[in-house]
Amino acid sequence: MGIQTGSERTKKLYNRRHTNQQVERAVKIINEFKDRIKTAQYDIILDNPWETDEDLIETLMFLSKLPTPYRLSLFSLSFYPETELYRKAKMDGIITDDLKDVYRKHFYSCNKTYLNNLFFLLNDYALNGVGISSKIMFLLTNQKMRQLNLHWLLYILLKILVFPLTMKRRFNYLVQEGLKDIQKGNWSRIHRYIRKCFRGNTGGTSVNRNY
Protein backbone atom coordinates (compact mmCIF):
# COMPACT_ATOMS: atom_id res chain seq x y z
CA MET A 1 0.00 0.00 0.00
CA GLY A 2 1.41 3.36 -1.00
CA ILE A 3 1.24 5.49 2.14
CA GLN A 4 4.16 7.68 0.93
CA THR A 5 3.94 10.08 3.89
CA GLY A 6 2.09 10.78 7.11
CA SER A 7 2.68 14.52 6.84
CA GLU A 8 -0.42 16.50 5.93
CA ARG A 9 1.73 19.18 4.30
CA THR A 10 3.65 16.69 2.14
CA LYS A 11 0.46 14.91 1.07
CA LYS A 12 -0.68 18.13 -0.58
CA LEU A 13 2.58 18.23 -2.54
CA TYR A 14 2.00 14.64 -3.74
CA ASN A 15 -1.67 15.35 -4.43
CA ARG A 16 -2.61 12.52 -2.08
CA ARG A 17 -6.14 13.13 -0.84
CA HIS A 18 -6.39 10.32 1.73
CA THR A 19 -6.31 11.10 5.43
CA ASN A 20 -4.20 9.33 8.04
CA GLN A 21 -7.41 8.07 9.58
CA GLN A 22 -8.32 6.33 6.29
CA VAL A 23 -4.89 4.72 6.20
CA GLU A 24 -5.29 3.53 9.79
CA ARG A 25 -8.64 1.94 8.95
CA ALA A 26 -7.15 0.19 5.90
CA VAL A 27 -4.19 -1.08 7.92
CA LYS A 28 -6.54 -2.37 10.61
CA ILE A 29 -8.43 -4.41 8.00
CA ILE A 30 -5.17 -5.76 6.57
CA ASN A 31 -3.94 -6.66 10.04
CA GLU A 32 -7.08 -8.72 10.70
CA PHE A 33 -5.87 -11.14 8.01
CA LYS A 34 -2.16 -11.13 8.93
CA ASP A 35 -2.20 -14.89 9.60
CA ARG A 36 -3.51 -15.61 6.09
CA ILE A 37 -1.46 -13.22 3.94
CA LYS A 38 2.17 -12.27 3.47
CA THR A 39 3.57 -9.45 5.57
CA ALA A 40 1.93 -6.17 4.61
CA GLN A 41 4.18 -3.73 2.77
CA TYR A 42 3.81 0.03 3.08
CA ASP A 43 5.64 2.33 0.66
CA ILE A 44 7.24 5.49 2.04
CA ILE A 45 9.06 8.26 0.12
CA LEU A 46 12.17 9.82 1.65
CA ASP A 47 14.64 12.50 0.49
CA ASN A 48 11.95 15.00 -0.42
CA PRO A 49 13.85 18.32 -0.69
CA TRP A 50 10.75 20.32 0.32
CA GLU A 51 10.14 18.32 3.50
CA THR A 52 11.27 19.55 6.89
CA ASP A 53 12.40 17.46 9.85
CA GLU A 54 8.96 18.08 11.33
CA ASP A 55 7.32 16.47 8.27
CA LEU A 56 9.50 13.38 8.59
CA ILE A 57 8.89 13.15 12.32
CA GLU A 58 5.15 13.39 11.69
CA THR A 59 5.45 10.37 9.37
CA LEU A 60 7.60 8.43 11.86
CA MET A 61 5.13 9.07 14.67
CA PHE A 62 2.26 7.97 12.46
CA LEU A 63 3.98 4.75 11.39
CA SER A 64 4.93 3.92 14.98
CA LYS A 65 1.22 3.72 15.83
CA LEU A 66 0.39 1.14 13.12
CA PRO A 67 -0.10 -2.51 14.16
CA THR A 68 2.73 -4.87 13.31
CA PRO A 69 4.06 -6.85 11.56
CA TYR A 70 4.64 -4.85 8.41
CA ARG A 71 7.45 -4.06 6.00
CA LEU A 72 8.44 -0.56 4.97
CA SER A 73 9.59 -0.13 1.38
CA LEU A 74 11.64 3.05 1.58
CA PHE A 75 12.24 4.99 -1.62
CA SER A 76 14.29 8.06 -2.40
CA LEU A 77 12.12 10.61 -4.20
CA SER A 78 12.75 10.37 -7.95
CA PHE A 79 11.71 13.00 -10.48
CA TYR A 80 10.12 11.66 -13.63
CA PRO A 81 10.58 14.02 -16.60
CA GLU A 82 7.68 16.34 -17.43
CA THR A 83 5.77 15.58 -14.24
CA GLU A 84 4.63 18.43 -12.01
CA LEU A 85 7.25 17.63 -9.34
CA TYR A 86 9.98 17.46 -12.00
CA ARG A 87 9.08 20.93 -13.28
CA LYS A 88 8.94 22.28 -9.71
CA ALA A 89 12.38 20.79 -8.95
CA LYS A 90 13.80 22.38 -12.11
CA MET A 91 12.29 25.74 -11.24
CA ASP A 92 13.58 25.58 -7.64
CA GLY A 93 17.10 24.67 -8.79
CA ILE A 94 16.99 21.19 -7.22
CA ILE A 95 17.63 19.53 -10.59
CA THR A 96 20.70 21.06 -12.21
CA ASP A 97 21.88 18.08 -14.26
CA ASP A 98 19.20 15.72 -15.62
CA LEU A 99 21.69 12.93 -16.25
CA LYS A 100 22.97 12.96 -12.66
CA ASP A 101 19.88 14.12 -10.76
CA VAL A 102 17.24 12.18 -12.68
CA TYR A 103 18.42 9.40 -14.99
CA ARG A 104 21.31 8.06 -12.89
CA LYS A 105 19.59 8.40 -9.53
CA HIS A 106 18.39 5.11 -8.03
CA PHE A 107 15.14 5.19 -6.09
CA TYR A 108 16.52 2.80 -3.45
CA SER A 109 19.55 5.00 -2.67
CA CYS A 110 18.25 6.90 0.34
CA ASN A 111 20.43 9.56 1.95
CA LYS A 112 22.32 8.56 5.11
CA THR A 113 20.62 10.94 7.51
CA TYR A 114 19.61 10.32 11.11
CA LEU A 115 15.87 10.58 10.43
CA ASN A 116 16.17 8.30 7.40
CA ASN A 117 17.99 5.80 9.60
CA LEU A 118 15.03 5.84 11.98
CA PHE A 119 12.76 4.66 9.16
CA PHE A 120 15.08 1.71 8.52
CA LEU A 121 15.27 0.98 12.25
CA LEU A 122 11.49 1.06 12.52
CA ASN A 123 11.30 -1.33 9.58
CA ASP A 124 13.55 -3.83 11.39
CA TYR A 125 11.32 -3.74 14.47
CA ALA A 126 8.04 -3.79 12.53
CA LEU A 127 9.16 -6.80 10.47
CA ASN A 128 9.81 -8.69 13.70
CA GLY A 129 6.31 -7.91 14.90
CA VAL A 130 7.56 -5.71 17.74
CA GLY A 131 7.44 -2.18 16.43
CA ILE A 132 8.75 0.97 18.12
CA SER A 133 6.24 2.64 20.40
CA SER A 134 5.25 6.25 19.82
CA LYS A 135 6.77 7.15 23.22
CA ILE A 136 10.18 5.78 22.23
CA MET A 137 9.88 7.39 18.79
CA PHE A 138 9.17 10.70 20.52
CA LEU A 139 12.41 10.36 22.49
CA LEU A 140 14.34 9.45 19.33
CA THR A 141 13.07 12.53 17.51
CA ASN A 142 12.79 14.99 20.40
CA GLN A 143 14.70 18.21 19.73
CA LYS A 144 16.10 18.53 23.27
CA MET A 145 17.28 14.90 23.22
CA ARG A 146 19.02 15.55 19.92
CA GLN A 147 20.61 18.78 21.15
CA LEU A 148 22.10 16.87 24.09
CA ASN A 149 23.13 13.97 21.81
CA LEU A 150 21.17 11.57 24.02
CA HIS A 151 19.18 10.30 21.03
CA TRP A 152 22.27 8.40 19.79
CA LEU A 153 22.46 6.35 22.99
CA LEU A 154 18.86 5.22 22.57
CA TYR A 155 19.33 4.62 18.84
CA ILE A 156 22.42 2.44 19.37
CA LEU A 157 20.67 0.49 22.12
CA LEU A 158 17.71 -0.23 19.84
CA LYS A 159 20.08 -1.31 17.04
CA ILE A 160 21.75 -3.77 19.40
CA LEU A 161 18.46 -5.15 20.74
CA VAL A 162 16.92 -5.76 17.31
CA PHE A 163 19.97 -7.57 15.90
CA PRO A 164 19.25 -11.04 17.37
CA LEU A 165 15.58 -10.77 16.37
CA THR A 166 16.56 -9.90 12.81
CA MET A 167 19.08 -12.74 12.60
CA LYS A 168 16.51 -15.23 13.93
CA ARG A 169 13.91 -14.08 11.39
CA ARG A 170 16.38 -14.31 8.51
CA PHE A 171 17.54 -17.76 9.64
CA ASN A 172 13.94 -18.99 9.86
CA TYR A 173 13.27 -17.60 6.41
CA LEU A 174 16.32 -19.29 4.92
CA VAL A 175 15.34 -22.62 6.52
CA GLN A 176 11.78 -22.39 5.18
CA GLU A 177 12.93 -21.44 1.69
CA GLY A 178 15.67 -24.07 1.81
CA LEU A 179 13.16 -26.83 2.60
CA LYS A 180 10.99 -25.68 -0.31
CA ASP A 181 14.00 -25.76 -2.64
CA ILE A 182 15.00 -29.25 -1.45
CA GLN A 183 11.50 -30.50 -2.23
CA LYS A 184 11.69 -28.90 -5.68
CA GLY A 185 15.27 -30.06 -6.25
CA ASN A 186 16.45 -26.48 -6.73
CA TRP A 187 20.02 -27.18 -5.62
CA SER A 188 21.55 -24.17 -7.37
CA ARG A 189 19.56 -21.80 -5.17
CA ILE A 190 20.61 -23.70 -2.02
CA HIS A 191 24.21 -23.39 -3.18
CA ARG A 192 23.75 -19.60 -3.46
CA TYR A 193 22.34 -19.47 0.10
CA ILE A 194 25.39 -21.33 1.46
CA ARG A 195 27.83 -19.09 -0.43
CA LYS A 196 26.10 -15.98 0.97
CA CYS A 197 26.34 -17.32 4.52
CA PHE A 198 30.05 -18.11 4.23
CA ARG A 199 30.76 -14.74 2.66
CA GLY A 200 28.85 -13.04 5.47
CA ASN A 201 26.55 -11.40 2.92
CA THR A 202 23.37 -11.70 4.96
CA GLY A 203 22.91 -8.13 6.09
CA GLY A 204 21.95 -4.82 4.54
CA THR A 205 19.03 -3.42 2.65
CA SER A 206 19.53 -5.64 -0.41
CA VAL A 207 18.72 -8.75 1.62
CA ASN A 208 15.60 -7.14 3.07
CA ARG A 209 14.24 -6.53 -0.43
CA ASN A 210 14.40 -10.22 -1.27
CA TYR A 211 11.88 -11.36 1.32
C-alpha atoms as a PDB file:
ATOM      1  CA  MET A   1       0.000   0.000   0.000  1.00  0.00           C
ATOM      2  CA  GLY A   2       1.409   3.362  -1.004  1.00  0.00           C
ATOM      3  CA  ILE A   3       1.240   5.495   2.136  1.00  0.00           C
ATOM      4  CA  GLN A   4       4.156   7.685   0.926  1.00  0.00           C
ATOM      5  CA  THR A   5       3.940  10.078   3.895  1.00  0.00           C
ATOM      6  CA  GLY A   6       2.093  10.777   7.109  1.00  0.00           C
ATOM      7  CA  SER A   7       2.676  14.521   6.842  1.00  0.00           C
ATOM      8  CA  GLU A   8      -0.419  16.502   5.926  1.00  0.00           C
ATOM      9  CA  ARG A   9       1.726  19.184   4.296  1.00  0.00           C
ATOM     10  CA  THR A  10       3.646  16.692   2.140  1.00  0.00           C
ATOM     11  CA  LYS A  11       0.459  14.909   1.067  1.00  0.00           C
ATOM     12  CA  LYS A  12      -0.685  18.127  -0.583  1.00  0.00           C
ATOM     13  CA  LEU A  13       2.582  18.229  -2.536  1.00  0.00           C
ATOM     14  CA  TYR A  14       1.996  14.643  -3.739  1.00  0.00           C
ATOM     15  CA  ASN A  15      -1.667  15.355  -4.428  1.00  0.00           C
ATOM     16  CA  ARG A  16      -2.613  12.516  -2.078  1.00  0.00           C
ATOM     17  CA  ARG A  17      -6.141  13.130  -0.835  1.00  0.00           C
ATOM     18  CA  HIS A  18      -6.395  10.317   1.731  1.00  0.00           C
ATOM     19  CA  THR A  19      -6.311  11.096   5.429  1.00  0.00           C
ATOM     20  CA  ASN A  20      -4.196   9.329   8.037  1.00  0.00           C
ATOM     21  CA  GLN A  21      -7.411   8.067   9.581  1.00  0.00           C
ATOM     22  CA  GLN A  22      -8.316   6.335   6.293  1.00  0.00           C
ATOM     23  CA  VAL A  23      -4.889   4.720   6.199  1.00  0.00           C
ATOM     24  CA  GLU A  24      -5.290   3.530   9.788  1.00  0.00           C
ATOM     25  CA  ARG A  25      -8.636   1.937   8.947  1.00  0.00           C
ATOM     26  CA  ALA A  26      -7.151   0.192   5.902  1.00  0.00           C
ATOM     27  CA  VAL A  27      -4.189  -1.075   7.921  1.00  0.00           C
ATOM     28  CA  LYS A  28      -6.545  -2.373  10.615  1.00  0.00           C
ATOM     29  CA  ILE A  29      -8.427  -4.409   7.996  1.00  0.00           C
ATOM     30  CA  ILE A  30      -5.169  -5.765   6.565  1.00  0.00           C
ATOM     31  CA  ASN A  31      -3.936  -6.661  10.043  1.00  0.00           C
ATOM     32  CA  GLU A  32      -7.078  -8.719  10.704  1.00  0.00           C
ATOM     33  CA  PHE A  33      -5.874 -11.135   8.012  1.00  0.00           C
ATOM     34  CA  LYS A  34      -2.164 -11.130   8.933  1.00  0.00           C
ATOM     35  CA  ASP A  35      -2.203 -14.895   9.601  1.00  0.00           C
ATOM     36  CA  ARG A  36      -3.512 -15.609   6.092  1.00  0.00           C
ATOM     37  CA  ILE A  37      -1.462 -13.220   3.945  1.00  0.00           C
ATOM     38  CA  LYS A  38       2.166 -12.274   3.467  1.00  0.00           C
ATOM     39  CA  THR A  39       3.568  -9.447   5.569  1.00  0.00           C
ATOM     40  CA  ALA A  40       1.928  -6.166   4.611  1.00  0.00           C
ATOM     41  CA  GLN A  41       4.182  -3.729   2.766  1.00  0.00           C
ATOM     42  CA  TYR A  42       3.813   0.030   3.078  1.00  0.00           C
ATOM     43  CA  ASP A  43       5.642   2.327   0.659  1.00  0.00           C
ATOM     44  CA  ILE A  44       7.245   5.488   2.043  1.00  0.00           C
ATOM     45  CA  ILE A  45       9.059   8.257   0.122  1.00  0.00           C
ATOM     46  CA  LEU A  46      12.173   9.824   1.649  1.00  0.00           C
ATOM     47  CA  ASP A  47      14.641  12.504   0.489  1.00  0.00           C
ATOM     48  CA  ASN A  48      11.955  15.004  -0.420  1.00  0.00           C
ATOM     49  CA  PRO A  49      13.853  18.325  -0.686  1.00  0.00           C
ATOM     50  CA  TRP A  50      10.750  20.317   0.325  1.00  0.00           C
ATOM     51  CA  GLU A  51      10.138  18.316   3.496  1.00  0.00           C
ATOM     52  CA  THR A  52      11.266  19.552   6.894  1.00  0.00           C
ATOM     53  CA  ASP A  53      12.396  17.458   9.848  1.00  0.00           C
ATOM     54  CA  GLU A  54       8.955  18.080  11.331  1.00  0.00           C
ATOM     55  CA  ASP A  55       7.318  16.474   8.272  1.00  0.00           C
ATOM     56  CA  LEU A  56       9.496  13.375   8.593  1.00  0.00           C
ATOM     57  CA  ILE A  57       8.890  13.151  12.324  1.00  0.00           C
ATOM     58  CA  GLU A  58       5.148  13.385  11.688  1.00  0.00           C
ATOM     59  CA  THR A  59       5.450  10.367   9.374  1.00  0.00           C
ATOM     60  CA  LEU A  60       7.601   8.428  11.856  1.00  0.00           C
ATOM     61  CA  MET A  61       5.127   9.068  14.666  1.00  0.00           C
ATOM     62  CA  PHE A  62       2.256   7.973  12.460  1.00  0.00           C
ATOM     63  CA  LEU A  63       3.980   4.752  11.393  1.00  0.00           C
ATOM     64  CA  SER A  64       4.927   3.918  14.978  1.00  0.00           C
ATOM     65  CA  LYS A  65       1.224   3.716  15.830  1.00  0.00           C
ATOM     66  CA  LEU A  66       0.386   1.144  13.118  1.00  0.00           C
ATOM     67  CA  PRO A  67      -0.104  -2.506  14.161  1.00  0.00           C
ATOM     68  CA  THR A  68       2.733  -4.869  13.313  1.00  0.00           C
ATOM     69  CA  PRO A  69       4.062  -6.846  11.556  1.00  0.00           C
ATOM     70  CA  TYR A  70       4.637  -4.847   8.414  1.00  0.00           C
ATOM     71  CA  ARG A  71       7.447  -4.065   5.997  1.00  0.00           C
ATOM     72  CA  LEU A  72       8.438  -0.561   4.967  1.00  0.00           C
ATOM     73  CA  SER A  73       9.587  -0.126   1.383  1.00  0.00           C
ATOM     74  CA  LEU A  74      11.643   3.049   1.577  1.00  0.00           C
ATOM     75  CA  PHE A  75      12.237   4.991  -1.620  1.00  0.00           C
ATOM     76  CA  SER A  76      14.290   8.061  -2.404  1.00  0.00           C
ATOM     77  CA  LEU A  77      12.117  10.609  -4.200  1.00  0.00           C
ATOM     78  CA  SER A  78      12.749  10.373  -7.947  1.00  0.00           C
ATOM     79  CA  PHE A  79      11.706  12.998 -10.476  1.00  0.00           C
ATOM     80  CA  TYR A  80      10.117  11.661 -13.635  1.00  0.00           C
ATOM     81  CA  PRO A  81      10.577  14.023 -16.597  1.00  0.00           C
ATOM     82  CA  GLU A  82       7.681  16.343 -17.431  1.00  0.00           C
ATOM     83  CA  THR A  83       5.769  15.579 -14.237  1.00  0.00           C
ATOM     84  CA  GLU A  84       4.630  18.428 -12.009  1.00  0.00           C
ATOM     85  CA  LEU A  85       7.247  17.634  -9.343  1.00  0.00           C
ATOM     86  CA  TYR A  86       9.979  17.463 -12.000  1.00  0.00           C
ATOM     87  CA  ARG A  87       9.084  20.933 -13.282  1.00  0.00           C
ATOM     88  CA  LYS A  88       8.944  22.281  -9.705  1.00  0.00           C
ATOM     89  CA  ALA A  89      12.377  20.795  -8.945  1.00  0.00           C
ATOM     90  CA  LYS A  90      13.805  22.380 -12.106  1.00  0.00           C
ATOM     91  CA  MET A  91      12.286  25.739 -11.241  1.00  0.00           C
ATOM     92  CA  ASP A  92      13.584  25.584  -7.644  1.00  0.00           C
ATOM     93  CA  GLY A  93      17.098  24.672  -8.792  1.00  0.00           C
ATOM     94  CA  ILE A  94      16.994  21.193  -7.224  1.00  0.00           C
ATOM     95  CA  ILE A  95      17.625  19.530 -10.586  1.00  0.00           C
ATOM     96  CA  THR A  96      20.695  21.059 -12.211  1.00  0.00           C
ATOM     97  CA  ASP A  97      21.876  18.082 -14.259  1.00  0.00           C
ATOM     98  CA  ASP A  98      19.205  15.716 -15.623  1.00  0.00           C
ATOM     99  CA  LEU A  99      21.686  12.933 -16.246  1.00  0.00           C
ATOM    100  CA  LYS A 100      22.970  12.956 -12.656  1.00  0.00           C
ATOM    101  CA  ASP A 101      19.878  14.125 -10.756  1.00  0.00           C
ATOM    102  CA  VAL A 102      17.236  12.177 -12.682  1.00  0.00           C
ATOM    103  CA  TYR A 103      18.423   9.397 -14.988  1.00  0.00           C
ATOM    104  CA  ARG A 104      21.306   8.064 -12.887  1.00  0.00           C
ATOM    105  CA  LYS A 105      19.586   8.401  -9.534  1.00  0.00           C
ATOM    106  CA  HIS A 106      18.392   5.107  -8.033  1.00  0.00           C
ATOM    107  CA  PHE A 107      15.142   5.189  -6.094  1.00  0.00           C
ATOM    108  CA  TYR A 108      16.524   2.796  -3.454  1.00  0.00           C
ATOM    109  CA  SER A 109      19.552   5.005  -2.674  1.00  0.00           C
ATOM    110  CA  CYS A 110      18.251   6.905   0.340  1.00  0.00           C
ATOM    111  CA  ASN A 111      20.434   9.556   1.945  1.00  0.00           C
ATOM    112  CA  LYS A 112      22.322   8.562   5.110  1.00  0.00           C
ATOM    113  CA  THR A 113      20.620  10.945   7.508  1.00  0.00           C
ATOM    114  CA  TYR A 114      19.613  10.322  11.107  1.00  0.00           C
ATOM    115  CA  LEU A 115      15.873  10.581  10.430  1.00  0.00           C
ATOM    116  CA  ASN A 116      16.169   8.299   7.396  1.00  0.00           C
ATOM    117  CA  ASN A 117      17.992   5.799   9.600  1.00  0.00           C
ATOM    118  CA  LEU A 118      15.032   5.842  11.980  1.00  0.00           C
ATOM    119  CA  PHE A 119      12.764   4.659   9.160  1.00  0.00           C
ATOM    120  CA  PHE A 120      15.082   1.705   8.515  1.00  0.00           C
ATOM    121  CA  LEU A 121      15.274   0.976  12.254  1.00  0.00           C
ATOM    122  CA  LEU A 122      11.488   1.062  12.516  1.00  0.00           C
ATOM    123  CA  ASN A 123      11.299  -1.328   9.576  1.00  0.00           C
ATOM    124  CA  ASP A 124      13.551  -3.827  11.391  1.00  0.00           C
ATOM    125  CA  TYR A 125      11.324  -3.743  14.472  1.00  0.00           C
ATOM    126  CA  ALA A 126       8.040  -3.795  12.531  1.00  0.00           C
ATOM    127  CA  LEU A 127       9.165  -6.800  10.473  1.00  0.00           C
ATOM    128  CA  ASN A 128       9.811  -8.688  13.698  1.00  0.00           C
ATOM    129  CA  GLY A 129       6.311  -7.907  14.904  1.00  0.00           C
ATOM    130  CA  VAL A 130       7.556  -5.711  17.744  1.00  0.00           C
ATOM    131  CA  GLY A 131       7.441  -2.176  16.431  1.00  0.00           C
ATOM    132  CA  ILE A 132       8.747   0.968  18.117  1.00  0.00           C
ATOM    133  CA  SER A 133       6.243   2.644  20.405  1.00  0.00           C
ATOM    134  CA  SER A 134       5.254   6.250  19.821  1.00  0.00           C
ATOM    135  CA  LYS A 135       6.768   7.146  23.223  1.00  0.00           C
ATOM    136  CA  ILE A 136      10.178   5.781  22.229  1.00  0.00           C
ATOM    137  CA  MET A 137       9.881   7.387  18.789  1.00  0.00           C
ATOM    138  CA  PHE A 138       9.168  10.696  20.520  1.00  0.00           C
ATOM    139  CA  LEU A 139      12.411  10.361  22.493  1.00  0.00           C
ATOM    140  CA  LEU A 140      14.343   9.449  19.335  1.00  0.00           C
ATOM    141  CA  THR A 141      13.074  12.532  17.510  1.00  0.00           C
ATOM    142  CA  ASN A 142      12.790  14.991  20.397  1.00  0.00           C
ATOM    143  CA  GLN A 143      14.696  18.211  19.734  1.00  0.00           C
ATOM    144  CA  LYS A 144      16.100  18.526  23.269  1.00  0.00           C
ATOM    145  CA  MET A 145      17.282  14.896  23.219  1.00  0.00           C
ATOM    146  CA  ARG A 146      19.019  15.550  19.917  1.00  0.00           C
ATOM    147  CA  GLN A 147      20.612  18.780  21.148  1.00  0.00           C
ATOM    148  CA  LEU A 148      22.101  16.874  24.090  1.00  0.00           C
ATOM    149  CA  ASN A 149      23.125  13.971  21.809  1.00  0.00           C
ATOM    150  CA  LEU A 150      21.167  11.571  24.018  1.00  0.00           C
ATOM    151  CA  HIS A 151      19.185  10.302  21.032  1.00  0.00           C
ATOM    152  CA  TRP A 152      22.267   8.403  19.794  1.00  0.00           C
ATOM    153  CA  LEU A 153      22.457   6.350  22.986  1.00  0.00           C
ATOM    154  CA  LEU A 154      18.861   5.222  22.573  1.00  0.00           C
ATOM    155  CA  TYR A 155      19.329   4.621  18.840  1.00  0.00           C
ATOM    156  CA  ILE A 156      22.417   2.440  19.365  1.00  0.00           C
ATOM    157  CA  LEU A 157      20.669   0.486  22.124  1.00  0.00           C
ATOM    158  CA  LEU A 158      17.714  -0.227  19.843  1.00  0.00           C
ATOM    159  CA  LYS A 159      20.078  -1.310  17.042  1.00  0.00           C
ATOM    160  CA  ILE A 160      21.748  -3.774  19.402  1.00  0.00           C
ATOM    161  CA  LEU A 161      18.456  -5.155  20.740  1.00  0.00           C
ATOM    162  CA  VAL A 162      16.922  -5.758  17.310  1.00  0.00           C
ATOM    163  CA  PHE A 163      19.974  -7.569  15.897  1.00  0.00           C
ATOM    164  CA  PRO A 164      19.252 -11.044  17.370  1.00  0.00           C
ATOM    165  CA  LEU A 165      15.580 -10.772  16.369  1.00  0.00           C
ATOM    166  CA  THR A 166      16.559  -9.902  12.805  1.00  0.00           C
ATOM    167  CA  MET A 167      19.082 -12.743  12.595  1.00  0.00           C
ATOM    168  CA  LYS A 168      16.506 -15.230  13.931  1.00  0.00           C
ATOM    169  CA  ARG A 169      13.911 -14.082  11.393  1.00  0.00           C
ATOM    170  CA  ARG A 170      16.385 -14.310   8.511  1.00  0.00           C
ATOM    171  CA  PHE A 171      17.540 -17.757   9.645  1.00  0.00           C
ATOM    172  CA  ASN A 172      13.943 -18.991   9.856  1.00  0.00           C
ATOM    173  CA  TYR A 173      13.265 -17.597   6.411  1.00  0.00           C
ATOM    174  CA  LEU A 174      16.320 -19.294   4.919  1.00  0.00           C
ATOM    175  CA  VAL A 175      15.344 -22.623   6.519  1.00  0.00           C
ATOM    176  CA  GLN A 176      11.782 -22.385   5.179  1.00  0.00           C
ATOM    177  CA  GLU A 177      12.933 -21.439   1.688  1.00  0.00           C
ATOM    178  CA  GLY A 178      15.675 -24.074   1.813  1.00  0.00           C
ATOM    179  CA  LEU A 179      13.157 -26.829   2.599  1.00  0.00           C
ATOM    180  CA  LYS A 180      10.990 -25.681  -0.306  1.00  0.00           C
ATOM    181  CA  ASP A 181      13.997 -25.763  -2.645  1.00  0.00           C
ATOM    182  CA  ILE A 182      15.004 -29.254  -1.446  1.00  0.00           C
ATOM    183  CA  GLN A 183      11.503 -30.501  -2.234  1.00  0.00           C
ATOM    184  CA  LYS A 184      11.690 -28.902  -5.678  1.00  0.00           C
ATOM    185  CA  GLY A 185      15.268 -30.061  -6.251  1.00  0.00           C
ATOM    186  CA  ASN A 186      16.450 -26.484  -6.730  1.00  0.00           C
ATOM    187  CA  TRP A 187      20.022 -27.181  -5.617  1.00  0.00           C
ATOM    188  CA  SER A 188      21.552 -24.168  -7.365  1.00  0.00           C
ATOM    189  CA  ARG A 189      19.556 -21.805  -5.169  1.00  0.00           C
ATOM    190  CA  ILE A 190      20.611 -23.695  -2.022  1.00  0.00           C
ATOM    191  CA  HIS A 191      24.210 -23.388  -3.184  1.00  0.00           C
ATOM    192  CA  ARG A 192      23.754 -19.599  -3.458  1.00  0.00           C
ATOM    193  CA  TYR A 193      22.344 -19.475   0.103  1.00  0.00           C
ATOM    194  CA  ILE A 194      25.394 -21.330   1.457  1.00  0.00           C
ATOM    195  CA  ARG A 195      27.826 -19.094  -0.425  1.00  0.00           C
ATOM    196  CA  LYS A 196      26.103 -15.984   0.967  1.00  0.00           C
ATOM    197  CA  CYS A 197      26.341 -17.324   4.516  1.00  0.00           C
ATOM    198  CA  PHE A 198      30.054 -18.114   4.230  1.00  0.00           C
ATOM    199  CA  ARG A 199      30.763 -14.739   2.660  1.00  0.00           C
ATOM    200  CA  GLY A 200      28.853 -13.037   5.466  1.00  0.00           C
ATOM    201  CA  ASN A 201      26.550 -11.404   2.923  1.00  0.00           C
ATOM    202  CA  THR A 202      23.367 -11.698   4.962  1.00  0.00           C
ATOM    203  CA  GLY A 203      22.908  -8.127   6.088  1.00  0.00           C
ATOM    204  CA  GLY A 204      21.948  -4.819   4.541  1.00  0.00           C
ATOM    205  CA  THR A 205      19.033  -3.421   2.646  1.00  0.00           C
ATOM    206  CA  SER A 206      19.527  -5.643  -0.414  1.00  0.00           C
ATOM    207  CA  VAL A 207      18.724  -8.753   1.624  1.00  0.00           C
ATOM    208  CA  ASN A 208      15.603  -7.141   3.065  1.00  0.00           C
ATOM    209  CA  ARG A 209      14.243  -6.529  -0.426  1.00  0.00           C
ATOM    210  CA  ASN A 210      14.400 -10.220  -1.274  1.00  0.00           C
ATOM    211  CA  TYR A 211      11.876 -11.362   1.322  1.00  0.00           C
END
